[in-house]
N, C-alpha and C. Protein backbone atom coordinates (compact mmCIF):
# COMPACT_ATOMS: atom_id res chain seq x y z
N MET A 1 -102.30 105.23 -101.66
CA MET A 1 -103.10 106.43 -101.82
C MET A 1 -103.08 107.18 -100.48
N ASN A 2 -102.63 108.43 -100.52
CA ASN A 2 -102.53 109.18 -99.26
C ASN A 2 -103.89 109.73 -98.83
N ILE A 3 -103.94 110.28 -97.64
CA ILE A 3 -105.21 110.69 -97.05
C ILE A 3 -105.88 111.82 -97.81
N SER A 4 -105.11 112.76 -98.35
CA SER A 4 -105.73 113.87 -99.07
C SER A 4 -106.38 113.39 -100.36
N THR A 5 -105.78 112.39 -101.01
CA THR A 5 -106.37 111.83 -102.22
C THR A 5 -107.64 111.05 -101.88
N ARG A 6 -107.61 110.28 -100.81
CA ARG A 6 -108.82 109.55 -100.39
C ARG A 6 -109.93 110.51 -100.02
N PHE A 7 -109.59 111.62 -99.38
CA PHE A 7 -110.60 112.61 -99.01
C PHE A 7 -111.24 113.20 -100.26
N ALA A 8 -110.44 113.54 -101.25
CA ALA A 8 -110.96 114.10 -102.50
C ALA A 8 -111.86 113.09 -103.21
N VAL A 9 -111.46 111.84 -103.23
CA VAL A 9 -112.28 110.80 -103.86
C VAL A 9 -113.58 110.60 -103.08
N ALA A 10 -113.51 110.65 -101.76
CA ALA A 10 -114.72 110.51 -100.93
C ALA A 10 -115.71 111.63 -101.21
N ILE A 11 -115.22 112.86 -101.34
CA ILE A 11 -116.08 113.99 -101.65
C ILE A 11 -116.69 113.81 -103.04
N HIS A 12 -115.91 113.33 -103.98
CA HIS A 12 -116.40 113.06 -105.33
C HIS A 12 -117.52 112.02 -105.30
N ILE A 13 -117.31 110.97 -104.52
CA ILE A 13 -118.34 109.92 -104.39
C ILE A 13 -119.62 110.50 -103.81
N LEU A 14 -119.51 111.26 -102.74
CA LEU A 14 -120.69 111.86 -102.12
C LEU A 14 -121.42 112.79 -103.09
N ALA A 15 -120.66 113.56 -103.86
CA ALA A 15 -121.28 114.46 -104.84
C ALA A 15 -122.01 113.67 -105.93
N LEU A 16 -121.40 112.60 -106.42
CA LEU A 16 -122.05 111.78 -107.44
C LEU A 16 -123.33 111.14 -106.91
N LEU A 17 -123.30 110.68 -105.68
CA LEU A 17 -124.49 110.05 -105.10
C LEU A 17 -125.61 111.08 -104.94
N GLU A 18 -125.27 112.31 -104.65
CA GLU A 18 -126.28 113.37 -104.53
C GLU A 18 -126.84 113.75 -105.89
N ILE A 19 -125.98 113.83 -106.88
CA ILE A 19 -126.41 114.26 -108.22
C ILE A 19 -127.30 113.21 -108.89
N ASP A 20 -126.93 111.95 -108.79
CA ASP A 20 -127.63 110.88 -109.49
C ASP A 20 -128.33 109.97 -108.48
N LYS A 21 -129.42 110.44 -107.93
CA LYS A 21 -130.13 109.70 -106.88
C LYS A 21 -130.98 108.56 -107.42
N GLU A 22 -131.39 108.64 -108.68
CA GLU A 22 -132.38 107.70 -109.21
C GLU A 22 -131.80 106.38 -109.70
N SER A 23 -130.56 106.37 -110.16
CA SER A 23 -130.03 105.13 -110.74
C SER A 23 -129.15 104.38 -109.74
N LYS A 24 -128.76 103.18 -110.13
CA LYS A 24 -127.84 102.40 -109.30
C LYS A 24 -126.43 102.95 -109.51
N ASN A 25 -125.82 103.36 -108.46
CA ASN A 25 -124.48 103.93 -108.51
C ASN A 25 -123.47 102.84 -108.16
N THR A 26 -123.01 102.13 -109.16
CA THR A 26 -122.07 101.04 -108.92
C THR A 26 -120.66 101.57 -108.77
N SER A 27 -119.81 100.76 -108.18
CA SER A 27 -118.41 101.16 -108.01
C SER A 27 -117.71 101.32 -109.36
N GLU A 28 -118.12 100.55 -110.35
CA GLU A 28 -117.53 100.68 -111.68
C GLU A 28 -117.89 102.02 -112.30
N TRP A 29 -119.14 102.43 -112.15
CA TRP A 29 -119.58 103.72 -112.70
C TRP A 29 -118.88 104.88 -112.00
N ILE A 30 -118.80 104.82 -110.68
CA ILE A 30 -118.14 105.88 -109.91
C ILE A 30 -116.65 105.91 -110.25
N ALA A 31 -116.03 104.73 -110.38
CA ALA A 31 -114.60 104.66 -110.71
C ALA A 31 -114.32 105.29 -112.07
N GLY A 32 -115.23 105.12 -113.00
CA GLY A 32 -115.06 105.74 -114.31
C GLY A 32 -115.08 107.25 -114.22
N SER A 33 -115.92 107.77 -113.35
CA SER A 33 -115.99 109.22 -113.16
C SER A 33 -114.77 109.76 -112.45
N VAL A 34 -114.31 109.03 -111.46
CA VAL A 34 -113.16 109.47 -110.66
C VAL A 34 -111.85 109.24 -111.42
N GLY A 35 -111.81 108.18 -112.23
CA GLY A 35 -110.59 107.82 -112.94
C GLY A 35 -109.67 106.94 -112.11
N THR A 36 -110.27 106.01 -111.39
CA THR A 36 -109.49 105.10 -110.55
C THR A 36 -110.06 103.70 -110.67
N ASN A 37 -109.53 102.79 -109.90
CA ASN A 37 -109.94 101.39 -109.90
C ASN A 37 -111.20 101.22 -109.04
N PRO A 38 -112.16 100.38 -109.46
CA PRO A 38 -113.36 100.14 -108.65
C PRO A 38 -113.08 99.63 -107.23
N VAL A 39 -111.97 98.92 -107.05
CA VAL A 39 -111.62 98.42 -105.72
C VAL A 39 -111.36 99.59 -104.76
N VAL A 40 -110.72 100.63 -105.25
CA VAL A 40 -110.47 101.83 -104.44
C VAL A 40 -111.80 102.44 -104.02
N ILE A 41 -112.74 102.51 -104.95
CA ILE A 41 -114.07 103.07 -104.66
C ILE A 41 -114.77 102.22 -103.61
N ARG A 42 -114.68 100.90 -103.72
CA ARG A 42 -115.33 100.02 -102.74
C ARG A 42 -114.75 100.22 -101.34
N ARG A 43 -113.45 100.37 -101.25
CA ARG A 43 -112.83 100.59 -99.94
C ARG A 43 -113.27 101.91 -99.33
N ILE A 44 -113.33 102.96 -100.14
CA ILE A 44 -113.72 104.27 -99.62
C ILE A 44 -115.22 104.28 -99.29
N THR A 45 -116.06 103.64 -100.11
CA THR A 45 -117.48 103.60 -99.78
C THR A 45 -117.72 102.79 -98.51
N SER A 46 -116.88 101.79 -98.28
CA SER A 46 -116.98 101.04 -97.03
C SER A 46 -116.71 101.95 -95.84
N MET A 47 -115.68 102.78 -95.95
CA MET A 47 -115.37 103.73 -94.88
C MET A 47 -116.49 104.74 -94.68
N LEU A 48 -117.05 105.22 -95.79
CA LEU A 48 -118.17 106.17 -95.70
C LEU A 48 -119.40 105.52 -95.08
N GLY A 49 -119.60 104.24 -95.37
CA GLY A 49 -120.71 103.51 -94.77
C GLY A 49 -120.54 103.33 -93.27
N LYS A 50 -119.31 103.00 -92.85
CA LYS A 50 -119.05 102.85 -91.42
C LYS A 50 -119.20 104.18 -90.68
N ALA A 51 -118.95 105.29 -91.38
CA ALA A 51 -119.11 106.62 -90.79
C ALA A 51 -120.57 107.06 -90.77
N GLY A 52 -121.45 106.28 -91.43
CA GLY A 52 -122.87 106.60 -91.43
C GLY A 52 -123.28 107.65 -92.46
N LEU A 53 -122.41 107.91 -93.43
CA LEU A 53 -122.72 108.92 -94.44
C LEU A 53 -123.49 108.37 -95.64
N ILE A 54 -123.26 107.09 -95.95
CA ILE A 54 -123.97 106.46 -97.06
C ILE A 54 -124.49 105.10 -96.63
N ASP A 55 -125.46 104.61 -97.39
CA ASP A 55 -126.00 103.27 -97.17
C ASP A 55 -125.45 102.35 -98.25
N VAL A 56 -124.72 101.33 -97.84
CA VAL A 56 -124.20 100.32 -98.75
C VAL A 56 -124.54 98.96 -98.21
N ARG A 57 -124.75 98.01 -99.14
CA ARG A 57 -125.01 96.64 -98.72
C ARG A 57 -124.03 95.73 -99.45
N PRO A 58 -123.33 94.87 -98.73
CA PRO A 58 -122.37 93.98 -99.37
C PRO A 58 -123.05 93.06 -100.39
N GLY A 59 -122.46 92.96 -101.57
CA GLY A 59 -122.97 92.08 -102.59
C GLY A 59 -124.09 92.64 -103.42
N VAL A 60 -124.58 93.83 -103.08
CA VAL A 60 -125.66 94.45 -103.83
C VAL A 60 -125.13 95.72 -104.48
N ALA A 61 -125.32 95.84 -105.78
CA ALA A 61 -124.80 97.00 -106.49
C ALA A 61 -125.58 98.26 -106.11
N GLY A 62 -124.84 99.33 -105.94
CA GLY A 62 -125.47 100.61 -105.69
C GLY A 62 -125.26 101.09 -104.26
N ALA A 63 -125.20 102.40 -104.15
CA ALA A 63 -125.06 103.06 -102.85
C ALA A 63 -125.94 104.30 -102.88
N LYS A 64 -126.32 104.78 -101.72
CA LYS A 64 -127.10 106.02 -101.66
C LYS A 64 -126.74 106.76 -100.39
N LEU A 65 -127.02 108.04 -100.39
CA LEU A 65 -126.74 108.84 -99.21
C LEU A 65 -127.64 108.42 -98.06
N ALA A 66 -127.12 108.45 -96.87
CA ALA A 66 -127.90 108.07 -95.69
C ALA A 66 -128.87 109.17 -95.31
């Protein structure tokens, strides 16, 4: 997956987290919206977490904006 595709998926993830603040946003749910594999979503959310843009916890379903 090239950088422009990862960037687009990252923006999609951030938008979904903003739109649906109340529920658990699992990687499976986000992957269904994006149309990709949940593993790809987990890798990108990990990068977004390291950048301080979202709060993620390993082993716990759900992410939210920081």
